[in-house]
């Protein structure tokens, strides 16, 4: 691979897939024979997922014709972005939930700023009345107040963007200097489209939170305002809006707090799952037995038996076992039949996850 290529984690050396584990036929009785590897590919510039799917389907048709005994049913290709693998449906739901919370926080900030704008417009009522008396139009007054709001929003946006770039660079440097760095393909960068959307949302929020107070303030009668001695006055409509904004802030705050507490409760319950053993006093290891040193199932079985026997005699170890399952991670899936039901097609049978233990015919890992 070219310099700098590191996938799926931070590998420096690649070896052929079947140099130690000979490939087995697709219909081999051993379900863990290593004959179904995942295939990863980089799309050429300008090539779409649909085009890649068409080409993969063409390859599948050729293999189905050439190896009819094992590939007859596998005549359709499926290419999907790698992002779909790392963000399954459950994780996408969590990400959308977090995005929704961010939107609620933005709305809460808009309501808060709008309320402050109403208070500020009330204090500046005499100033606006004087300007109106000197010939300023309502449009001019609204543009003045919006300009001030946009200036403050622009300064906040600039500071936020600078902090985002600094925090992103700091995070990237921190994770890359870890004893075990994260995979090289995971990088923390400021996406230009996302940045443009954030800036647009900032400006839109400034306009939305400023236009209503500006419009209400410019609507006041200059004569009435000047008669009240510059103390400012709050119209009935403005009072209703400000009270409504307070109610909206309380509602949004309650929604955010309840959502955060529910998410925290889910995380705590996940950490307290009962796996059937004490996870706080557990030591695990993974291994692979090469065919060159252990060519037969009997040889691998003897190795596992001897390994367990020696580990169990250690005074530091309470118990030991060999398994392909760890913390709800299943070893595979298969179609099953429920007693008392008839099935006309294999796809009608329920698909379930299964847990298996290593045997003489499945010695690959433990």
Protein backbone atom coordinates (compact mmCIF):
# COMPACT_ATOMS: atom_id res chain seq x y z
CA UNK A 1 0.00 0.00 0.00
CA UNK A 2 1.16 3.60 -0.46
CA UNK A 3 2.97 5.43 2.37
CA UNK A 4 0.67 6.61 5.10
CA UNK A 5 -1.94 3.89 4.50
CA UNK A 6 -3.12 2.48 7.84
CA UNK A 7 -6.30 0.44 7.94
CA UNK A 8 -8.37 -0.83 9.69
CA UNK A 9 -6.40 0.44 12.69
CA UNK A 10 -2.69 1.28 12.58
CA UNK A 11 -1.22 -1.79 10.87
CA UNK A 12 2.27 -1.54 9.36
CA UNK A 13 2.48 -4.99 7.76
CA UNK A 14 -0.05 -6.87 5.65
CA UNK A 15 0.09 -10.59 4.87
CA UNK A 16 -1.97 -12.72 2.47
CA UNK A 17 -5.31 -13.83 3.91
CA UNK A 18 -4.83 -17.57 3.41
CA UNK A 19 -1.10 -17.99 3.98
CA UNK A 20 -1.73 -19.84 7.26
CA UNK A 21 -5.43 -20.66 7.07
CA UNK A 22 -6.27 -22.47 3.81
CA UNK A 23 -9.64 -21.44 2.35
CA UNK A 24 -12.56 -23.78 2.82
CA UNK A 25 -15.54 -24.34 0.57
CA UNK A 26 -18.61 -22.19 1.17
CA UNK A 27 -20.71 -25.25 1.99
CA UNK A 28 -18.14 -26.60 4.48
CA UNK A 29 -19.83 -27.81 7.71
CA UNK A 30 -17.51 -25.64 9.82
CA UNK A 31 -19.27 -22.24 10.16
CA UNK A 32 -16.06 -20.49 11.22
CA UNK A 33 -13.87 -21.72 8.41
CA UNK A 34 -12.82 -18.25 7.39
CA UNK A 35 -14.38 -18.43 3.93
CA UNK A 36 -16.47 -15.27 4.19
CA UNK A 37 -14.03 -12.36 4.55
CA UNK A 38 -15.18 -8.78 4.46
CA UNK A 39 -14.08 -6.94 1.32
CA UNK A 40 -13.10 -3.29 1.48
CA UNK A 41 -12.44 -1.10 -1.52
CA UNK A 42 -11.79 2.55 -2.34
CA UNK A 43 -14.06 4.08 -4.96
CA UNK A 44 -12.41 5.95 -7.79
CA UNK A 45 -13.23 9.67 -8.02
CA UNK A 46 -16.61 10.17 -9.66
CA UNK A 47 -17.81 6.60 -9.12
CA UNK A 48 -21.12 6.31 -7.27
CA UNK A 49 -22.34 3.61 -4.91
CA UNK A 50 -24.90 2.55 -7.53
CA UNK A 51 -22.16 2.01 -10.13
CA UNK A 52 -20.11 0.00 -7.64
CA UNK A 53 -23.16 -2.11 -6.82
CA UNK A 54 -23.71 -2.82 -10.52
CA UNK A 55 -20.12 -3.95 -10.96
CA UNK A 56 -20.22 -6.08 -7.81
CA UNK A 57 -23.44 -7.70 -9.04
CA UNK A 58 -21.71 -8.47 -12.35
CA UNK A 59 -18.88 -10.17 -10.47
CA UNK A 60 -21.42 -12.14 -8.42
CA UNK A 61 -23.18 -13.33 -11.60
CA UNK A 62 -19.90 -14.56 -13.04
CA UNK A 63 -18.99 -16.43 -9.85
CA UNK A 64 -22.49 -17.92 -9.65
CA UNK A 65 -22.12 -19.29 -13.17
CA UNK A 66 -18.56 -20.51 -12.64
CA UNK A 67 -19.20 -22.10 -9.22
CA UNK A 68 -22.84 -23.11 -9.46
CA UNK A 69 -22.60 -25.68 -6.66
CA UNK A 70 -21.68 -23.10 -4.01
CA UNK A 71 -22.49 -19.65 -5.47
CA UNK A 72 -25.76 -20.23 -7.27
CA UNK A 73 -27.79 -18.26 -4.71
CA UNK A 74 -25.19 -15.52 -4.30
CA UNK A 75 -25.82 -13.63 -7.52
CA UNK A 76 -26.26 -10.07 -6.22
CA UNK A 77 -23.62 -7.62 -5.09
CA UNK A 78 -24.05 -5.24 -2.19
CA UNK A 79 -21.77 -2.23 -1.76
CA UNK A 80 -22.41 0.24 1.02
CA UNK A 81 -20.39 3.06 2.59
CA UNK A 82 -18.10 2.04 5.40
CA UNK A 83 -19.81 4.65 7.55
CA UNK A 84 -22.89 2.39 7.68
CA UNK A 85 -20.78 -0.29 9.37
CA UNK A 86 -19.44 2.05 12.04
CA UNK A 87 -22.77 3.79 12.59
CA UNK A 88 -25.46 1.10 12.81
CA UNK A 89 -29.11 2.00 13.20
CA UNK A 90 -28.93 2.09 17.01
CA UNK A 91 -25.94 4.44 17.00
CA UNK A 92 -27.53 6.64 14.36
CA UNK A 93 -30.56 7.02 16.61
CA UNK A 94 -28.29 8.20 19.42
CA UNK A 95 -26.53 10.67 17.11
CA UNK A 96 -29.85 12.05 15.87
CA UNK A 97 -30.98 12.36 19.49
CA UNK A 98 -27.83 14.34 20.35
CA UNK A 99 -28.38 16.54 17.28
CA UNK A 100 -31.94 17.15 18.43
CA UNK A 101 -30.68 18.20 21.86
CA UNK A 102 -28.29 20.64 20.16
CA UNK A 103 -31.22 22.12 18.24
CA UNK A 104 -33.16 22.51 21.50
CA UNK A 105 -30.18 24.28 23.09
CA UNK A 106 -30.05 26.62 20.08
CA UNK A 107 -33.76 27.38 20.44
CA UNK A 108 -33.28 27.95 24.15
CA UNK A 109 -30.46 30.40 23.44
CA UNK A 110 -32.60 32.20 20.83
CA UNK A 111 -35.46 32.56 23.30
CA UNK A 112 -33.09 33.87 25.95
CA UNK A 113 -31.47 36.37 23.59
CA UNK A 114 -34.89 37.49 22.31
CA UNK A 115 -36.04 38.14 25.86
CA UNK A 116 -32.93 40.19 26.54
CA UNK A 117 -33.52 42.10 23.31
CA UNK A 118 -37.03 42.98 24.51
CA UNK A 119 -35.61 44.22 27.81
CA UNK A 120 -32.93 46.21 25.99
CA UNK A 121 -35.49 47.72 23.60
CA UNK A 122 -37.61 48.79 26.58
CA UNK A 123 -34.64 50.59 28.15
CA UNK A 124 -33.88 52.27 24.81
CA UNK A 125 -37.47 53.32 24.19
CA UNK A 126 -36.73 57.06 24.69
CA UNK A 127 -33.73 56.91 22.34
CA UNK A 128 -35.80 55.23 19.63
CA UNK A 129 -38.61 57.76 20.15
CA UNK A 130 -36.17 60.66 19.72
CA UNK A 131 -34.75 59.12 16.55
CA UNK A 132 -38.26 58.59 15.23
CA UNK A 133 -39.16 62.22 16.03
CA UNK A 134 -36.11 63.40 14.09
CA UNK A 135 -37.34 61.59 10.99
CA UNK A 136 -36.02 58.03 11.28
CA UNK A 137 -38.39 55.54 9.67
CA UNK A 138 -39.43 52.22 11.19
CA UNK A 139 -37.26 50.41 8.67
CA UNK A 140 -34.26 52.49 9.69
CA UNK A 141 -34.82 51.77 13.38
CA UNK A 142 -35.23 48.02 12.71
CA UNK A 143 -32.05 47.95 10.61
CA UNK A 144 -30.14 49.74 13.36
CA UNK A 145 -31.15 47.24 16.02
CA UNK A 146 -30.58 44.27 13.71
CA UNK A 147 -27.13 45.61 12.84
CA UNK A 148 -26.24 45.71 16.51
CA UNK A 149 -27.55 42.15 17.02
CA UNK A 150 -25.66 40.87 13.97
CA UNK A 151 -22.46 42.56 15.15
CA UNK A 152 -22.65 40.77 18.49
CA UNK A 153 -23.51 37.48 16.75
CA UNK A 154 -20.60 37.92 14.33
CA UNK A 155 -18.14 38.50 17.16
CA UNK A 156 -19.49 35.41 18.93
CA UNK A 157 -19.26 33.35 15.74
CA UNK A 158 -15.64 34.40 15.12
CA UNK A 159 -14.64 33.53 18.68
CA UNK A 160 -16.52 30.21 18.45
CA UNK A 161 -14.84 29.25 15.17
CA UNK A 162 -11.37 30.07 16.54
CA UNK A 163 -12.07 28.02 19.67
CA UNK A 164 -13.39 25.15 17.51
CA UNK A 165 -10.19 25.06 15.42
CA UNK A 166 -8.02 25.21 18.53
CA UNK A 167 -10.00 22.49 20.33
CA UNK A 168 -10.01 20.26 17.24
CA UNK A 169 -6.25 20.51 16.79
CA UNK A 170 -5.72 19.88 20.49
CA UNK A 171 -7.99 16.82 20.43
CA UNK A 172 -6.30 15.43 17.31
CA UNK A 173 -2.83 15.83 18.84
CA UNK A 174 -3.97 14.28 22.13
CA UNK A 175 -5.46 11.11 20.64
CA UNK A 176 -2.53 10.61 18.26
CA UNK A 177 -0.10 10.69 21.20
CA UNK A 178 -1.94 8.04 23.17
CA UNK A 179 -0.04 4.80 23.96
CA UNK A 180 -2.49 3.01 21.65
CA UNK A 181 -3.54 5.60 19.05
CA UNK A 182 -6.99 5.48 17.54
CA UNK A 183 -7.27 4.17 13.95
CA UNK A 184 -5.60 6.46 11.45
CA UNK A 185 -8.78 6.89 9.40
CA UNK A 186 -10.51 8.54 12.38
CA UNK A 187 -9.53 12.19 12.29
CA UNK A 188 -10.95 15.29 13.90
CA UNK A 189 -11.29 18.07 11.38
CA UNK A 190 -13.54 21.05 10.79
CA UNK A 191 -15.80 20.22 7.88
CA UNK A 192 -16.28 23.26 5.65
CA UNK A 193 -19.92 22.49 4.89
CA UNK A 194 -20.71 21.98 8.58
CA UNK A 195 -18.85 25.18 9.44
CA UNK A 196 -20.81 27.09 6.79
CA UNK A 197 -24.08 25.69 8.18
CA UNK A 198 -23.11 26.68 11.73
CA UNK A 199 -22.29 30.22 10.63
CA UNK A 200 -25.57 30.40 8.71
CA UNK A 201 -27.48 29.11 11.74
CA UNK A 202 -25.76 31.72 13.91
CA UNK A 203 -26.75 34.55 11.59
CA UNK A 204 -30.29 33.20 11.20
CA UNK A 205 -30.65 32.89 14.99
CA UNK A 206 -29.43 36.47 15.39
CA UNK A 207 -31.95 37.73 12.85
CA UNK A 208 -34.84 35.71 14.28
CA UNK A 209 -34.10 36.71 17.87
CA UNK A 210 -33.62 40.36 16.95
CA UNK A 211 -36.22 41.17 14.33
CA UNK A 212 -39.30 40.74 16.55
CA UNK A 213 -38.03 42.93 19.41
CA UNK A 214 -36.84 45.51 16.88
CA UNK A 215 -40.19 45.54 15.13
CA UNK A 216 -42.11 45.83 18.41
CA UNK A 217 -39.84 48.64 19.68
CA UNK A 218 -40.14 50.63 16.46
CA UNK A 219 -43.92 50.32 16.59
CA UNK A 220 -44.23 52.37 19.79
CA UNK A 221 -45.77 55.85 19.64
CA UNK A 222 -42.92 58.41 20.10
CA UNK A 223 -45.22 60.96 21.79
CA UNK A 224 -46.44 58.46 24.40
CA UNK A 225 -42.91 57.24 25.09
CA UNK A 226 -41.51 60.75 25.54
CA UNK A 227 -44.38 61.66 27.91
CA UNK A 228 -43.38 58.83 30.25
CA UNK A 229 -40.03 60.47 30.94
CA UNK A 230 -37.74 57.95 29.29
CA UNK A 231 -38.46 55.16 31.72
CA UNK A 232 -39.66 53.02 28.86
CA UNK A 233 -42.86 51.13 28.65
CA UNK A 234 -43.83 47.64 27.82
CA UNK A 235 -46.79 47.16 25.52
CA UNK A 236 -49.31 44.42 26.11
CA UNK A 237 -48.12 42.49 23.06
CA UNK A 238 -44.49 42.73 24.17
CA UNK A 239 -45.45 41.55 27.66
CA UNK A 240 -47.29 38.55 26.23
CA UNK A 241 -44.33 37.66 24.02
CA UNK A 242 -41.78 37.95 26.83
CA UNK A 243 -43.90 35.81 29.14
CA UNK A 244 -44.34 33.28 26.34
CA UNK A 245 -40.58 33.21 25.83
CA UNK A 246 -40.06 32.53 29.53
CA UNK A 247 -42.52 29.65 29.36
CA UNK A 248 -40.78 28.35 26.21
CA UNK A 249 -37.40 28.47 27.95
CA UNK A 250 -38.75 26.50 30.91
CA UNK A 251 -40.34 23.91 28.61
CA UNK A 252 -37.18 23.50 26.50
CA UNK A 253 -35.03 23.27 29.64
CA UNK A 254 -37.28 20.55 31.06
CA UNK A 255 -37.16 18.60 27.79
CA UNK A 256 -33.36 18.80 27.65
CA UNK A 257 -32.96 17.80 31.31
CA UNK A 258 -35.38 14.89 31.02
CA UNK A 259 -33.68 13.67 27.83
CA UNK A 260 -30.24 13.95 29.41
CA UNK A 261 -31.36 12.06 32.52
CA UNK A 262 -32.97 9.31 30.43
CA UNK A 263 -29.78 8.95 28.38
CA UNK A 264 -27.68 8.86 31.55
CA UNK A 265 -29.99 6.21 32.99
CA UNK A 266 -29.56 4.10 29.85
CA UNK A 267 -25.77 4.38 30.10
CA UNK A 268 -25.80 3.38 33.77
CA UNK A 269 -28.07 0.40 33.10
CA UNK A 270 -25.80 -0.73 30.27
CA UNK A 271 -22.83 -0.67 32.62
CA UNK A 272 -24.75 -2.71 35.17
CA UNK A 273 -25.77 -5.58 32.86
CA UNK A 274 -25.41 -9.06 34.33
CA UNK A 275 -23.21 -11.07 31.97
CA UNK A 276 -23.25 -14.14 34.17
CA UNK A 277 -19.80 -13.53 35.62
CA UNK A 278 -17.85 -10.88 37.50
CA UNK A 279 -16.48 -8.50 34.86
CA UNK A 280 -14.40 -6.56 37.40
CA UNK A 281 -12.10 -9.51 38.07
CA UNK A 282 -11.78 -10.89 34.57
CA UNK A 283 -8.70 -11.32 32.40
CA UNK A 284 -9.14 -12.23 28.73
CA UNK A 285 -6.84 -13.02 25.83
CA UNK A 286 -7.27 -13.85 22.16
CA UNK A 287 -5.15 -16.31 20.20
CA UNK A 288 -4.91 -18.02 16.85
CA UNK A 289 -3.46 -21.47 16.19
CA UNK A 290 -1.63 -21.63 12.89
CA UNK A 291 -2.23 -24.62 10.68
CA UNK A 292 1.48 -25.18 10.31
CA UNK A 293 1.93 -25.95 14.02
CA UNK A 294 -1.55 -27.40 14.63
CA UNK A 295 -2.65 -28.99 11.35
CA UNK A 296 -5.46 -31.16 12.73
CA UNK A 297 -8.45 -30.67 14.95
CA UNK A 298 -7.12 -33.19 17.47
CA UNK A 299 -3.89 -31.20 17.85
CA UNK A 300 -5.80 -28.02 18.51
CA UNK A 301 -8.13 -29.75 20.95
CA UNK A 302 -5.13 -31.07 22.91
CA UNK A 303 -3.69 -27.57 23.03
CA UNK A 304 -6.87 -26.12 24.48
CA UNK A 305 -7.21 -28.94 27.00
CA UNK A 306 -3.63 -28.49 28.16
CA UNK A 307 -4.00 -24.72 28.30
CA UNK A 308 -7.12 -24.90 30.47
CA UNK A 309 -5.59 -27.53 32.72
CA UNK A 310 -2.49 -25.46 33.40
CA UNK A 311 -4.40 -22.21 33.93
CA UNK A 312 -6.84 -23.83 36.35
CA UNK A 313 -3.98 -25.10 38.50
CA UNK A 314 -2.70 -21.56 39.05
CA UNK A 315 -3.55 -20.26 42.55
CA UNK A 316 -4.24 -16.78 41.16
CA UNK A 317 -6.99 -18.06 38.85
CA UNK A 318 -10.39 -19.03 40.26
CA UNK A 319 -11.78 -20.50 37.03
CA UNK A 320 -11.01 -20.51 33.31
CA UNK A 321 -12.91 -21.24 30.12
CA UNK A 322 -12.54 -21.05 26.34
CA UNK A 323 -15.29 -19.35 24.39
CA UNK A 324 -16.10 -17.38 21.28
CA UNK A 325 -18.50 -15.06 23.14
CA UNK A 326 -17.61 -12.10 25.33
CA UNK A 327 -19.97 -9.47 26.79
CA UNK A 328 -22.95 -10.17 24.57
CA UNK A 329 -20.80 -10.39 21.43
CA UNK A 330 -22.25 -13.28 19.45
CA UNK A 331 -20.22 -15.67 17.32
CA UNK A 332 -22.56 -15.69 14.33
CA UNK A 333 -26.14 -15.99 13.17
CA UNK A 334 -28.30 -18.62 11.53
CA UNK A 335 -31.86 -19.36 10.41
CA UNK A 336 -33.99 -21.43 12.77
CA UNK A 337 -37.34 -23.19 12.62
CA UNK A 338 -39.97 -22.84 15.32
CA UNK A 339 -41.78 -26.01 16.25
CA UNK A 340 -45.31 -26.16 14.91
CA UNK A 341 -44.73 -23.73 12.04
CA UNK A 342 -44.26 -24.48 8.35
CA UNK A 343 -41.83 -22.53 6.16
CA UNK A 344 -41.97 -22.37 2.38
CA UNK A 345 -38.80 -20.35 1.94
CA UNK A 346 -35.56 -20.01 3.88
CA UNK A 347 -36.01 -16.24 4.20
CA UNK A 348 -39.25 -16.85 6.15
CA UNK A 349 -37.31 -18.55 8.94
CA UNK A 350 -36.28 -16.29 11.86
CA UNK A 351 -32.68 -15.15 11.85
CA UNK A 352 -31.06 -15.36 15.31
CA UNK A 353 -27.66 -14.74 16.83
CA UNK A 354 -25.90 -17.77 18.21
CA UNK A 355 -23.19 -18.48 20.75
CA UNK A 356 -20.73 -21.28 20.05
CA UNK A 357 -17.79 -22.77 21.89
CA UNK A 358 -14.55 -23.85 20.22
CA UNK A 359 -14.45 -27.47 19.10
CA UNK A 360 -12.03 -29.58 17.17
CA UNK A 361 -13.38 -28.11 13.95
CA UNK A 362 -13.42 -24.47 15.03
CA UNK A 363 -9.98 -23.76 16.50
CA UNK A 364 -9.35 -20.37 15.02
CA UNK A 365 -9.61 -18.20 18.12
CA UNK A 366 -10.48 -18.29 21.77
